[in-house]
Amino acid sequence: KLTAVAFDKLPLKDAIKIVRGNGK
């Protein structure tokens, strides 16, 4: 609970984005 990470709070700009198929 203490370390739960909301996906929309992830710093996505610091990640490598890899899209496969429609990427949905």
PDBML (XML) file of the C-alpha atoms, coordinates in Angstrom:
<?xml version="1.0" encoding="UTF-8" ?>
<PDBx:datablock datablockName="MODEL"
   xmlns:PDBx="http://pdbml.pdb.org/schema/pdbx-v50.xsd"
   xmlns:xsi="http://www.w3.org/2001/XMLSchema-instance"
   xsi:schemaLocation="http://pdbml.pdb.org/schema/pdbx-v50.xsd pdbx-v50.xsd">
   <PDBx:atom_siteCategory>
      <PDBx:atom_site id="1">
         <PDBx:B_iso_or_equiv>0.00</PDBx:B_iso_or_equiv>
         <PDBx:Cartn_x>0.000</PDBx:Cartn_x>
         <PDBx:Cartn_y>0.000</PDBx:Cartn_y>
         <PDBx:Cartn_z>0.000</PDBx:Cartn_z>
         <PDBx:auth_asym_id>A</PDBx:auth_asym_id>
         <PDBx:auth_atom_id>CA</PDBx:auth_atom_id>
         <PDBx:auth_comp_id>LYS</PDBx:auth_comp_id>
         <PDBx:auth_seq_id>1</PDBx:auth_seq_id>
         <PDBx:group_PDB>ATOM</PDBx:group_PDB>
         <PDBx:label_alt_id xsi:nil="true" />
         <PDBx:label_asym_id>A</PDBx:label_asym_id>
         <PDBx:label_atom_id>CA</PDBx:label_atom_id>
         <PDBx:label_comp_id>LYS</PDBx:label_comp_id>
         <PDBx:label_entity_id>1</PDBx:label_entity_id>
         <PDBx:label_seq_id>1</PDBx:label_seq_id>
         <PDBx:occupancy>1.00</PDBx:occupancy>
         <PDBx:pdbx_PDB_model_num>1</PDBx:pdbx_PDB_model_num>
         <PDBx:type_symbol>C</PDBx:type_symbol>
      </PDBx:atom_site>
      <PDBx:atom_site id="2">
         <PDBx:B_iso_or_equiv>0.00</PDBx:B_iso_or_equiv>
         <PDBx:Cartn_x>2.803</PDBx:Cartn_x>
         <PDBx:Cartn_y>2.386</PDBx:Cartn_y>
         <PDBx:Cartn_z>0.898</PDBx:Cartn_z>
         <PDBx:auth_asym_id>A</PDBx:auth_asym_id>
         <PDBx:auth_atom_id>CA</PDBx:auth_atom_id>
         <PDBx:auth_comp_id>LEU</PDBx:auth_comp_id>
         <PDBx:auth_seq_id>2</PDBx:auth_seq_id>
         <PDBx:group_PDB>ATOM</PDBx:group_PDB>
         <PDBx:label_alt_id xsi:nil="true" />
         <PDBx:label_asym_id>A</PDBx:label_asym_id>
         <PDBx:label_atom_id>CA</PDBx:label_atom_id>
         <PDBx:label_comp_id>LEU</PDBx:label_comp_id>
         <PDBx:label_entity_id>1</PDBx:label_entity_id>
         <PDBx:label_seq_id>2</PDBx:label_seq_id>
         <PDBx:occupancy>1.00</PDBx:occupancy>
         <PDBx:pdbx_PDB_model_num>1</PDBx:pdbx_PDB_model_num>
         <PDBx:type_symbol>C</PDBx:type_symbol>
      </PDBx:atom_site>
      <PDBx:atom_site id="3">
         <PDBx:B_iso_or_equiv>0.00</PDBx:B_iso_or_equiv>
         <PDBx:Cartn_x>4.630</PDBx:Cartn_x>
         <PDBx:Cartn_y>1.778</PDBx:Cartn_y>
         <PDBx:Cartn_z>-2.373</PDBx:Cartn_z>
         <PDBx:auth_asym_id>A</PDBx:auth_asym_id>
         <PDBx:auth_atom_id>CA</PDBx:auth_atom_id>
         <PDBx:auth_comp_id>THR</PDBx:auth_comp_id>
         <PDBx:auth_seq_id>3</PDBx:auth_seq_id>
         <PDBx:group_PDB>ATOM</PDBx:group_PDB>
         <PDBx:label_alt_id xsi:nil="true" />
         <PDBx:label_asym_id>A</PDBx:label_asym_id>
         <PDBx:label_atom_id>CA</PDBx:label_atom_id>
         <PDBx:label_comp_id>THR</PDBx:label_comp_id>
         <PDBx:label_entity_id>1</PDBx:label_entity_id>
         <PDBx:label_seq_id>3</PDBx:label_seq_id>
         <PDBx:occupancy>1.00</PDBx:occupancy>
         <PDBx:pdbx_PDB_model_num>1</PDBx:pdbx_PDB_model_num>
         <PDBx:type_symbol>C</PDBx:type_symbol>
      </PDBx:atom_site>
      <PDBx:atom_site id="4">
         <PDBx:B_iso_or_equiv>0.00</PDBx:B_iso_or_equiv>
         <PDBx:Cartn_x>1.616</PDBx:Cartn_x>
         <PDBx:Cartn_y>1.573</PDBx:Cartn_y>
         <PDBx:Cartn_z>-4.687</PDBx:Cartn_z>
         <PDBx:auth_asym_id>A</PDBx:auth_asym_id>
         <PDBx:auth_atom_id>CA</PDBx:auth_atom_id>
         <PDBx:auth_comp_id>ALA</PDBx:auth_comp_id>
         <PDBx:auth_seq_id>4</PDBx:auth_seq_id>
         <PDBx:group_PDB>ATOM</PDBx:group_PDB>
         <PDBx:label_alt_id xsi:nil="true" />
         <PDBx:label_asym_id>A</PDBx:label_asym_id>
         <PDBx:label_atom_id>CA</PDBx:label_atom_id>
         <PDBx:label_comp_id>ALA</PDBx:label_comp_id>
         <PDBx:label_entity_id>1</PDBx:label_entity_id>
         <PDBx:label_seq_id>4</PDBx:label_seq_id>
         <PDBx:occupancy>1.00</PDBx:occupancy>
         <PDBx:pdbx_PDB_model_num>1</PDBx:pdbx_PDB_model_num>
         <PDBx:type_symbol>C</PDBx:type_symbol>
      </PDBx:atom_site>
      <PDBx:atom_site id="5">
         <PDBx:B_iso_or_equiv>0.00</PDBx:B_iso_or_equiv>
         <PDBx:Cartn_x>2.180</PDBx:Cartn_x>
         <PDBx:Cartn_y>3.450</PDBx:Cartn_y>
         <PDBx:Cartn_z>-7.952</PDBx:Cartn_z>
         <PDBx:auth_asym_id>A</PDBx:auth_asym_id>
         <PDBx:auth_atom_id>CA</PDBx:auth_atom_id>
         <PDBx:auth_comp_id>VAL</PDBx:auth_comp_id>
         <PDBx:auth_seq_id>5</PDBx:auth_seq_id>
         <PDBx:group_PDB>ATOM</PDBx:group_PDB>
         <PDBx:label_alt_id xsi:nil="true" />
         <PDBx:label_asym_id>A</PDBx:label_asym_id>
         <PDBx:label_atom_id>CA</PDBx:label_atom_id>
         <PDBx:label_comp_id>VAL</PDBx:label_comp_id>
         <PDBx:label_entity_id>1</PDBx:label_entity_id>
         <PDBx:label_seq_id>5</PDBx:label_seq_id>
         <PDBx:occupancy>1.00</PDBx:occupancy>
         <PDBx:pdbx_PDB_model_num>1</PDBx:pdbx_PDB_model_num>
         <PDBx:type_symbol>C</PDBx:type_symbol>
      </PDBx:atom_site>
      <PDBx:atom_site id="6">
         <PDBx:B_iso_or_equiv>0.00</PDBx:B_iso_or_equiv>
         <PDBx:Cartn_x>-0.709</PDBx:Cartn_x>
         <PDBx:Cartn_y>4.993</PDBx:Cartn_y>
         <PDBx:Cartn_z>-9.876</PDBx:Cartn_z>
         <PDBx:auth_asym_id>A</PDBx:auth_asym_id>
         <PDBx:auth_atom_id>CA</PDBx:auth_atom_id>
         <PDBx:auth_comp_id>ALA</PDBx:auth_comp_id>
         <PDBx:auth_seq_id>6</PDBx:auth_seq_id>
         <PDBx:group_PDB>ATOM</PDBx:group_PDB>
         <PDBx:label_alt_id xsi:nil="true" />
         <PDBx:label_asym_id>A</PDBx:label_asym_id>
         <PDBx:label_atom_id>CA</PDBx:label_atom_id>
         <PDBx:label_comp_id>ALA</PDBx:label_comp_id>
         <PDBx:label_entity_id>1</PDBx:label_entity_id>
         <PDBx:label_seq_id>6</PDBx:label_seq_id>
         <PDBx:occupancy>1.00</PDBx:occupancy>
         <PDBx:pdbx_PDB_model_num>1</PDBx:pdbx_PDB_model_num>
         <PDBx:type_symbol>C</PDBx:type_symbol>
      </PDBx:atom_site>
      <PDBx:atom_site id="7">
         <PDBx:B_iso_or_equiv>0.00</PDBx:B_iso_or_equiv>
         <PDBx:Cartn_x>0.003</PDBx:Cartn_x>
         <PDBx:Cartn_y>4.401</PDBx:Cartn_y>
         <PDBx:Cartn_z>-13.564</PDBx:Cartn_z>
         <PDBx:auth_asym_id>A</PDBx:auth_asym_id>
         <PDBx:auth_atom_id>CA</PDBx:auth_atom_id>
         <PDBx:auth_comp_id>PHE</PDBx:auth_comp_id>
         <PDBx:auth_seq_id>7</PDBx:auth_seq_id>
         <PDBx:group_PDB>ATOM</PDBx:group_PDB>
         <PDBx:label_alt_id xsi:nil="true" />
         <PDBx:label_asym_id>A</PDBx:label_asym_id>
         <PDBx:label_atom_id>CA</PDBx:label_atom_id>
         <PDBx:label_comp_id>PHE</PDBx:label_comp_id>
         <PDBx:label_entity_id>1</PDBx:label_entity_id>
         <PDBx:label_seq_id>7</PDBx:label_seq_id>
         <PDBx:occupancy>1.00</PDBx:occupancy>
         <PDBx:pdbx_PDB_model_num>1</PDBx:pdbx_PDB_model_num>
         <PDBx:type_symbol>C</PDBx:type_symbol>
      </PDBx:atom_site>
      <PDBx:atom_site id="8">
         <PDBx:B_iso_or_equiv>0.00</PDBx:B_iso_or_equiv>
         <PDBx:Cartn_x>-0.890</PDBx:Cartn_x>
         <PDBx:Cartn_y>7.971</PDBx:Cartn_y>
         <PDBx:Cartn_z>-14.502</PDBx:Cartn_z>
         <PDBx:auth_asym_id>A</PDBx:auth_asym_id>
         <PDBx:auth_atom_id>CA</PDBx:auth_atom_id>
         <PDBx:auth_comp_id>ASP</PDBx:auth_comp_id>
         <PDBx:auth_seq_id>8</PDBx:auth_seq_id>
         <PDBx:group_PDB>ATOM</PDBx:group_PDB>
         <PDBx:label_alt_id xsi:nil="true" />
         <PDBx:label_asym_id>A</PDBx:label_asym_id>
         <PDBx:label_atom_id>CA</PDBx:label_atom_id>
         <PDBx:label_comp_id>ASP</PDBx:label_comp_id>
         <PDBx:label_entity_id>1</PDBx:label_entity_id>
         <PDBx:label_seq_id>8</PDBx:label_seq_id>
         <PDBx:occupancy>1.00</PDBx:occupancy>
         <PDBx:pdbx_PDB_model_num>1</PDBx:pdbx_PDB_model_num>
         <PDBx:type_symbol>C</PDBx:type_symbol>
      </PDBx:atom_site>
      <PDBx:atom_site id="9">
         <PDBx:B_iso_or_equiv>0.00</PDBx:B_iso_or_equiv>
         <PDBx:Cartn_x>1.743</PDBx:Cartn_x>
         <PDBx:Cartn_y>9.188</PDBx:Cartn_y>
         <PDBx:Cartn_z>-12.017</PDBx:Cartn_z>
         <PDBx:auth_asym_id>A</PDBx:auth_asym_id>
         <PDBx:auth_atom_id>CA</PDBx:auth_atom_id>
         <PDBx:auth_comp_id>LYS</PDBx:auth_comp_id>
         <PDBx:auth_seq_id>9</PDBx:auth_seq_id>
         <PDBx:group_PDB>ATOM</PDBx:group_PDB>
         <PDBx:label_alt_id xsi:nil="true" />
         <PDBx:label_asym_id>A</PDBx:label_asym_id>
         <PDBx:label_atom_id>CA</PDBx:label_atom_id>
         <PDBx:label_comp_id>LYS</PDBx:label_comp_id>
         <PDBx:label_entity_id>1</PDBx:label_entity_id>
         <PDBx:label_seq_id>9</PDBx:label_seq_id>
         <PDBx:occupancy>1.00</PDBx:occupancy>
         <PDBx:pdbx_PDB_model_num>1</PDBx:pdbx_PDB_model_num>
         <PDBx:type_symbol>C</PDBx:type_symbol>
      </PDBx:atom_site>
      <PDBx:atom_site id="10">
         <PDBx:B_iso_or_equiv>0.00</PDBx:B_iso_or_equiv>
         <PDBx:Cartn_x>4.588</PDBx:Cartn_x>
         <PDBx:Cartn_y>7.323</PDBx:Cartn_y>
         <PDBx:Cartn_z>-13.701</PDBx:Cartn_z>
         <PDBx:auth_asym_id>A</PDBx:auth_asym_id>
         <PDBx:auth_atom_id>CA</PDBx:auth_atom_id>
         <PDBx:auth_comp_id>LEU</PDBx:auth_comp_id>
         <PDBx:auth_seq_id>10</PDBx:auth_seq_id>
         <PDBx:group_PDB>ATOM</PDBx:group_PDB>
         <PDBx:label_alt_id xsi:nil="true" />
         <PDBx:label_asym_id>A</PDBx:label_asym_id>
         <PDBx:label_atom_id>CA</PDBx:label_atom_id>
         <PDBx:label_comp_id>LEU</PDBx:label_comp_id>
         <PDBx:label_entity_id>1</PDBx:label_entity_id>
         <PDBx:label_seq_id>10</PDBx:label_seq_id>
         <PDBx:occupancy>1.00</PDBx:occupancy>
         <PDBx:pdbx_PDB_model_num>1</PDBx:pdbx_PDB_model_num>
         <PDBx:type_symbol>C</PDBx:type_symbol>
      </PDBx:atom_site>
      <PDBx:atom_site id="11">
         <PDBx:B_iso_or_equiv>0.00</PDBx:B_iso_or_equiv>
         <PDBx:Cartn_x>7.201</PDBx:Cartn_x>
         <PDBx:Cartn_y>9.651</PDBx:Cartn_y>
         <PDBx:Cartn_z>-15.290</PDBx:Cartn_z>
         <PDBx:auth_asym_id>A</PDBx:auth_asym_id>
         <PDBx:auth_atom_id>CA</PDBx:auth_atom_id>
         <PDBx:auth_comp_id>PRO</PDBx:auth_comp_id>
         <PDBx:auth_seq_id>11</PDBx:auth_seq_id>
         <PDBx:group_PDB>ATOM</PDBx:group_PDB>
         <PDBx:label_alt_id xsi:nil="true" />
         <PDBx:label_asym_id>A</PDBx:label_asym_id>
         <PDBx:label_atom_id>CA</PDBx:label_atom_id>
         <PDBx:label_comp_id>PRO</PDBx:label_comp_id>
         <PDBx:label_entity_id>1</PDBx:label_entity_id>
         <PDBx:label_seq_id>11</PDBx:label_seq_id>
         <PDBx:occupancy>1.00</PDBx:occupancy>
         <PDBx:pdbx_PDB_model_num>1</PDBx:pdbx_PDB_model_num>
         <PDBx:type_symbol>C</PDBx:type_symbol>
      </PDBx:atom_site>
      <PDBx:atom_site id="12">
         <PDBx:B_iso_or_equiv>0.00</PDBx:B_iso_or_equiv>
         <PDBx:Cartn_x>6.630</PDBx:Cartn_x>
         <PDBx:Cartn_y>8.204</PDBx:Cartn_y>
         <PDBx:Cartn_z>-18.764</PDBx:Cartn_z>
         <PDBx:auth_asym_id>A</PDBx:auth_asym_id>
         <PDBx:auth_atom_id>CA</PDBx:auth_atom_id>
         <PDBx:auth_comp_id>LEU</PDBx:auth_comp_id>
         <PDBx:auth_seq_id>12</PDBx:auth_seq_id>
         <PDBx:group_PDB>ATOM</PDBx:group_PDB>
         <PDBx:label_alt_id xsi:nil="true" />
         <PDBx:label_asym_id>A</PDBx:label_asym_id>
         <PDBx:label_atom_id>CA</PDBx:label_atom_id>
         <PDBx:label_comp_id>LEU</PDBx:label_comp_id>
         <PDBx:label_entity_id>1</PDBx:label_entity_id>
         <PDBx:label_seq_id>12</PDBx:label_seq_id>
         <PDBx:occupancy>1.00</PDBx:occupancy>
         <PDBx:pdbx_PDB_model_num>1</PDBx:pdbx_PDB_model_num>
         <PDBx:type_symbol>C</PDBx:type_symbol>
      </PDBx:atom_site>
      <PDBx:atom_site id="13">
         <PDBx:B_iso_or_equiv>0.00</PDBx:B_iso_or_equiv>
         <PDBx:Cartn_x>8.927</PDBx:Cartn_x>
         <PDBx:Cartn_y>10.784</PDBx:Cartn_y>
         <PDBx:Cartn_z>-20.366</PDBx:Cartn_z>
         <PDBx:auth_asym_id>A</PDBx:auth_asym_id>
         <PDBx:auth_atom_id>CA</PDBx:auth_atom_id>
         <PDBx:auth_comp_id>LYS</PDBx:auth_comp_id>
         <PDBx:auth_seq_id>13</PDBx:auth_seq_id>
         <PDBx:group_PDB>ATOM</PDBx:group_PDB>
         <PDBx:label_alt_id xsi:nil="true" />
         <PDBx:label_asym_id>A</PDBx:label_asym_id>
         <PDBx:label_atom_id>CA</PDBx:label_atom_id>
         <PDBx:label_comp_id>LYS</PDBx:label_comp_id>
         <PDBx:label_entity_id>1</PDBx:label_entity_id>
         <PDBx:label_seq_id>13</PDBx:label_seq_id>
         <PDBx:occupancy>1.00</PDBx:occupancy>
         <PDBx:pdbx_PDB_model_num>1</PDBx:pdbx_PDB_model_num>
         <PDBx:type_symbol>C</PDBx:type_symbol>
      </PDBx:atom_site>
      <PDBx:atom_site id="14">
         <PDBx:B_iso_or_equiv>0.00</PDBx:B_iso_or_equiv>
         <PDBx:Cartn_x>11.819</PDBx:Cartn_x>
         <PDBx:Cartn_y>8.926</PDBx:Cartn_y>
         <PDBx:Cartn_z>-18.729</PDBx:Cartn_z>
         <PDBx:auth_asym_id>A</PDBx:auth_asym_id>
         <PDBx:auth_atom_id>CA</PDBx:auth_atom_id>
         <PDBx:auth_comp_id>ASP</PDBx:auth_comp_id>
         <PDBx:auth_seq_id>14</PDBx:auth_seq_id>
         <PDBx:group_PDB>ATOM</PDBx:group_PDB>
         <PDBx:label_alt_id xsi:nil="true" />
         <PDBx:label_asym_id>A</PDBx:label_asym_id>
         <PDBx:label_atom_id>CA</PDBx:label_atom_id>
         <PDBx:label_comp_id>ASP</PDBx:label_comp_id>
         <PDBx:label_entity_id>1</PDBx:label_entity_id>
         <PDBx:label_seq_id>14</PDBx:label_seq_id>
         <PDBx:occupancy>1.00</PDBx:occupancy>
         <PDBx:pdbx_PDB_model_num>1</PDBx:pdbx_PDB_model_num>
         <PDBx:type_symbol>C</PDBx:type_symbol>
      </PDBx:atom_site>
      <PDBx:atom_site id="15">
         <PDBx:B_iso_or_equiv>0.00</PDBx:B_iso_or_equiv>
         <PDBx:Cartn_x>10.881</PDBx:Cartn_x>
         <PDBx:Cartn_y>5.606</PDBx:Cartn_y>
         <PDBx:Cartn_z>-20.353</PDBx:Cartn_z>
         <PDBx:auth_asym_id>A</PDBx:auth_asym_id>
         <PDBx:auth_atom_id>CA</PDBx:auth_atom_id>
         <PDBx:auth_comp_id>ALA</PDBx:auth_comp_id>
         <PDBx:auth_seq_id>15</PDBx:auth_seq_id>
         <PDBx:group_PDB>ATOM</PDBx:group_PDB>
         <PDBx:label_alt_id xsi:nil="true" />
         <PDBx:label_asym_id>A</PDBx:label_asym_id>
         <PDBx:label_atom_id>CA</PDBx:label_atom_id>
         <PDBx:label_comp_id>ALA</PDBx:label_comp_id>
         <PDBx:label_entity_id>1</PDBx:label_entity_id>
         <PDBx:label_seq_id>15</PDBx:label_seq_id>
         <PDBx:occupancy>1.00</PDBx:occupancy>
         <PDBx:pdbx_PDB_model_num>1</PDBx:pdbx_PDB_model_num>
         <PDBx:type_symbol>C</PDBx:type_symbol>
      </PDBx:atom_site>
      <PDBx:atom_site id="16">
         <PDBx:B_iso_or_equiv>0.00</PDBx:B_iso_or_equiv>
         <PDBx:Cartn_x>11.567</PDBx:Cartn_x>
         <PDBx:Cartn_y>4.078</PDBx:Cartn_y>
         <PDBx:Cartn_z>-23.757</PDBx:Cartn_z>
         <PDBx:auth_asym_id>A</PDBx:auth_asym_id>
         <PDBx:auth_atom_id>CA</PDBx:auth_atom_id>
         <PDBx:auth_comp_id>ILE</PDBx:auth_comp_id>
         <PDBx:auth_seq_id>16</PDBx:auth_seq_id>
         <PDBx:group_PDB>ATOM</PDBx:group_PDB>
         <PDBx:label_alt_id xsi:nil="true" />
         <PDBx:label_asym_id>A</PDBx:label_asym_id>
         <PDBx:label_atom_id>CA</PDBx:label_atom_id>
         <PDBx:label_comp_id>ILE</PDBx:label_comp_id>
         <PDBx:label_entity_id>1</PDBx:label_entity_id>
         <PDBx:label_seq_id>16</PDBx:label_seq_id>
         <PDBx:occupancy>1.00</PDBx:occupancy>
         <PDBx:pdbx_PDB_model_num>1</PDBx:pdbx_PDB_model_num>
         <PDBx:type_symbol>C</PDBx:type_symbol>
      </PDBx:atom_site>
      <PDBx:atom_site id="17">
         <PDBx:B_iso_or_equiv>0.00</PDBx:B_iso_or_equiv>
         <PDBx:Cartn_x>8.207</PDBx:Cartn_x>
         <PDBx:Cartn_y>3.754</PDBx:Cartn_y>
         <PDBx:Cartn_z>-25.505</PDBx:Cartn_z>
         <PDBx:auth_asym_id>A</PDBx:auth_asym_id>
         <PDBx:auth_atom_id>CA</PDBx:auth_atom_id>
         <PDBx:auth_comp_id>LYS</PDBx:auth_comp_id>
         <PDBx:auth_seq_id>17</PDBx:auth_seq_id>
         <PDBx:group_PDB>ATOM</PDBx:group_PDB>
         <PDBx:label_alt_id xsi:nil="true" />
         <PDBx:label_asym_id>A</PDBx:label_asym_id>
         <PDBx:label_atom_id>CA</PDBx:label_atom_id>
         <PDBx:label_comp_id>LYS</PDBx:label_comp_id>
         <PDBx:label_entity_id>1</PDBx:label_entity_id>
         <PDBx:label_seq_id>17</PDBx:label_seq_id>
         <PDBx:occupancy>1.00</PDBx:occupancy>
         <PDBx:pdbx_PDB_model_num>1</PDBx:pdbx_PDB_model_num>
         <PDBx:type_symbol>C</PDBx:type_symbol>
      </PDBx:atom_site>
      <PDBx:atom_site id="18">
         <PDBx:B_iso_or_equiv>0.00</PDBx:B_iso_or_equiv>
         <PDBx:Cartn_x>7.767</PDBx:Cartn_x>
         <PDBx:Cartn_y>0.511</PDBx:Cartn_y>
         <PDBx:Cartn_z>-27.459</PDBx:Cartn_z>
         <PDBx:auth_asym_id>A</PDBx:auth_asym_id>
         <PDBx:auth_atom_id>CA</PDBx:auth_atom_id>
         <PDBx:auth_comp_id>ILE</PDBx:auth_comp_id>
         <PDBx:auth_seq_id>18</PDBx:auth_seq_id>
         <PDBx:group_PDB>ATOM</PDBx:group_PDB>
         <PDBx:label_alt_id xsi:nil="true" />
         <PDBx:label_asym_id>A</PDBx:label_asym_id>
         <PDBx:label_atom_id>CA</PDBx:label_atom_id>
         <PDBx:label_comp_id>ILE</PDBx:label_comp_id>
         <PDBx:label_entity_id>1</PDBx:label_entity_id>
         <PDBx:label_seq_id>18</PDBx:label_seq_id>
         <PDBx:occupancy>1.00</PDBx:occupancy>
         <PDBx:pdbx_PDB_model_num>1</PDBx:pdbx_PDB_model_num>
         <PDBx:type_symbol>C</PDBx:type_symbol>
      </PDBx:atom_site>
      <PDBx:atom_site id="19">
         <PDBx:B_iso_or_equiv>0.00</PDBx:B_iso_or_equiv>
         <PDBx:Cartn_x>4.530</PDBx:Cartn_x>
         <PDBx:Cartn_y>0.057</PDBx:Cartn_y>
         <PDBx:Cartn_z>-29.434</PDBx:Cartn_z>
         <PDBx:auth_asym_id>A</PDBx:auth_asym_id>
         <PDBx:auth_atom_id>CA</PDBx:auth_atom_id>
         <PDBx:auth_comp_id>VAL</PDBx:auth_comp_id>
         <PDBx:auth_seq_id>19</PDBx:auth_seq_id>
         <PDBx:group_PDB>ATOM</PDBx:group_PDB>
         <PDBx:label_alt_id xsi:nil="true" />
         <PDBx:label_asym_id>A</PDBx:label_asym_id>
         <PDBx:label_atom_id>CA</PDBx:label_atom_id>
         <PDBx:label_comp_id>VAL</PDBx:label_comp_id>
         <PDBx:label_entity_id>1</PDBx:label_entity_id>
         <PDBx:label_seq_id>19</PDBx:label_seq_id>
         <PDBx:occupancy>1.00</PDBx:occupancy>
         <PDBx:pdbx_PDB_model_num>1</PDBx:pdbx_PDB_model_num>
         <PDBx:type_symbol>C</PDBx:type_symbol>
      </PDBx:atom_site>
      <PDBx:atom_site id="20">
         <PDBx:B_iso_or_equiv>0.00</PDBx:B_iso_or_equiv>
         <PDBx:Cartn_x>3.379</PDBx:Cartn_x>
         <PDBx:Cartn_y>-3.306</PDBx:Cartn_y>
         <PDBx:Cartn_z>-30.767</PDBx:Cartn_z>
         <PDBx:auth_asym_id>A</PDBx:auth_asym_id>
         <PDBx:auth_atom_id>CA</PDBx:auth_atom_id>
         <PDBx:auth_comp_id>ARG</PDBx:auth_comp_id>
         <PDBx:auth_seq_id>20</PDBx:auth_seq_id>
         <PDBx:group_PDB>ATOM</PDBx:group_PDB>
         <PDBx:label_alt_id xsi:nil="true" />
         <PDBx:label_asym_id>A</PDBx:label_asym_id>
         <PDBx:label_atom_id>CA</PDBx:label_atom_id>
         <PDBx:label_comp_id>ARG</PDBx:label_comp_id>
         <PDBx:label_entity_id>1</PDBx:label_entity_id>
         <PDBx:label_seq_id>20</PDBx:label_seq_id>
         <PDBx:occupancy>1.00</PDBx:occupancy>
         <PDBx:pdbx_PDB_model_num>1</PDBx:pdbx_PDB_model_num>
         <PDBx:type_symbol>C</PDBx:type_symbol>
      </PDBx:atom_site>
      <PDBx:atom_site id="21">
         <PDBx:B_iso_or_equiv>0.00</PDBx:B_iso_or_equiv>
         <PDBx:Cartn_x>0.288</PDBx:Cartn_x>
         <PDBx:Cartn_y>-3.659</PDBx:Cartn_y>
         <PDBx:Cartn_z>-32.949</PDBx:Cartn_z>
         <PDBx:auth_asym_id>A</PDBx:auth_asym_id>
         <PDBx:auth_atom_id>CA</PDBx:auth_atom_id>
         <PDBx:auth_comp_id>GLY</PDBx:auth_comp_id>
         <PDBx:auth_seq_id>21</PDBx:auth_seq_id>
         <PDBx:group_PDB>ATOM</PDBx:group_PDB>
         <PDBx:label_alt_id xsi:nil="true" />
         <PDBx:label_asym_id>A</PDBx:label_asym_id>
         <PDBx:label_atom_id>CA</PDBx:label_atom_id>
         <PDBx:label_comp_id>GLY</PDBx:label_comp_id>
         <PDBx:label_entity_id>1</PDBx:label_entity_id>
         <PDBx:label_seq_id>21</PDBx:label_seq_id>
         <PDBx:occupancy>1.00</PDBx:occupancy>
         <PDBx:pdbx_PDB_model_num>1</PDBx:pdbx_PDB_model_num>
         <PDBx:type_symbol>C</PDBx:type_symbol>
      </PDBx:atom_site>
      <PDBx:atom_site id="22">
         <PDBx:B_iso_or_equiv>0.00</PDBx:B_iso_or_equiv>
         <PDBx:Cartn_x>-2.383</PDBx:Cartn_x>
         <PDBx:Cartn_y>-1.091</PDBx:Cartn_y>
         <PDBx:Cartn_z>-32.130</PDBx:Cartn_z>
         <PDBx:auth_asym_id>A</PDBx:auth_asym_id>
         <PDBx:auth_atom_id>CA</PDBx:auth_atom_id>
         <PDBx:auth_comp_id>ASN</PDBx:auth_comp_id>
         <PDBx:auth_seq_id>22</PDBx:auth_seq_id>
         <PDBx:group_PDB>ATOM</PDBx:group_PDB>
         <PDBx:label_alt_id xsi:nil="true" />
         <PDBx:label_asym_id>A</PDBx:label_asym_id>
         <PDBx:label_atom_id>CA</PDBx:label_atom_id>
         <PDBx:label_comp_id>ASN</PDBx:label_comp_id>
         <PDBx:label_entity_id>1</PDBx:label_entity_id>
         <PDBx:label_seq_id>22</PDBx:label_seq_id>
         <PDBx:occupancy>1.00</PDBx:occupancy>
         <PDBx:pdbx_PDB_model_num>1</PDBx:pdbx_PDB_model_num>
         <PDBx:type_symbol>C</PDBx:type_symbol>
      </PDBx:atom_site>
      <PDBx:atom_site id="23">
         <PDBx:B_iso_or_equiv>0.00</PDBx:B_iso_or_equiv>
         <PDBx:Cartn_x>-0.732</PDBx:Cartn_x>
         <PDBx:Cartn_y>-0.334</PDBx:Cartn_y>
         <PDBx:Cartn_z>-28.772</PDBx:Cartn_z>
         <PDBx:auth_asym_id>A</PDBx:auth_asym_id>
         <PDBx:auth_atom_id>CA</PDBx:auth_atom_id>
         <PDBx:auth_comp_id>GLY</PDBx:auth_comp_id>
         <PDBx:auth_seq_id>23</PDBx:auth_seq_id>
         <PDBx:group_PDB>ATOM</PDBx:group_PDB>
         <PDBx:label_alt_id xsi:nil="true" />
         <PDBx:label_asym_id>A</PDBx:label_asym_id>
         <PDBx:label_atom_id>CA</PDBx:label_atom_id>
         <PDBx:label_comp_id>GLY</PDBx:label_comp_id>
         <PDBx:label_entity_id>1</PDBx:label_entity_id>
         <PDBx:label_seq_id>23</PDBx:label_seq_id>
         <PDBx:occupancy>1.00</PDBx:occupancy>
         <PDBx:pdbx_PDB_model_num>1</PDBx:pdbx_PDB_model_num>
         <PDBx:type_symbol>C</PDBx:type_symbol>
      </PDBx:atom_site>
      <PDBx:atom_site id="24">
         <PDBx:B_iso_or_equiv>0.00</PDBx:B_iso_or_equiv>
         <PDBx:Cartn_x>-4.078</PDBx:Cartn_x>
         <PDBx:Cartn_y>0.044</PDBx:Cartn_y>
         <PDBx:Cartn_z>-26.983</PDBx:Cartn_z>
         <PDBx:auth_asym_id>A</PDBx:auth_asym_id>
         <PDBx:auth_atom_id>CA</PDBx:auth_atom_id>
         <PDBx:auth_comp_id>LYS</PDBx:auth_comp_id>
         <PDBx:auth_seq_id>24</PDBx:auth_seq_id>
         <PDBx:group_PDB>ATOM</PDBx:group_PDB>
         <PDBx:label_alt_id xsi:nil="true" />
         <PDBx:label_asym_id>A</PDBx:label_asym_id>
         <PDBx:label_atom_id>CA</PDBx:label_atom_id>
         <PDBx:label_comp_id>LYS</PDBx:label_comp_id>
         <PDBx:label_entity_id>1</PDBx:label_entity_id>
         <PDBx:label_seq_id>24</PDBx:label_seq_id>
         <PDBx:occupancy>1.00</PDBx:occupancy>
         <PDBx:pdbx_PDB_model_num>1</PDBx:pdbx_PDB_model_num>
         <PDBx:type_symbol>C</PDBx:type_symbol>
      </PDBx:atom_site>
   </PDBx:atom_siteCategory>
</PDBx:datablock>
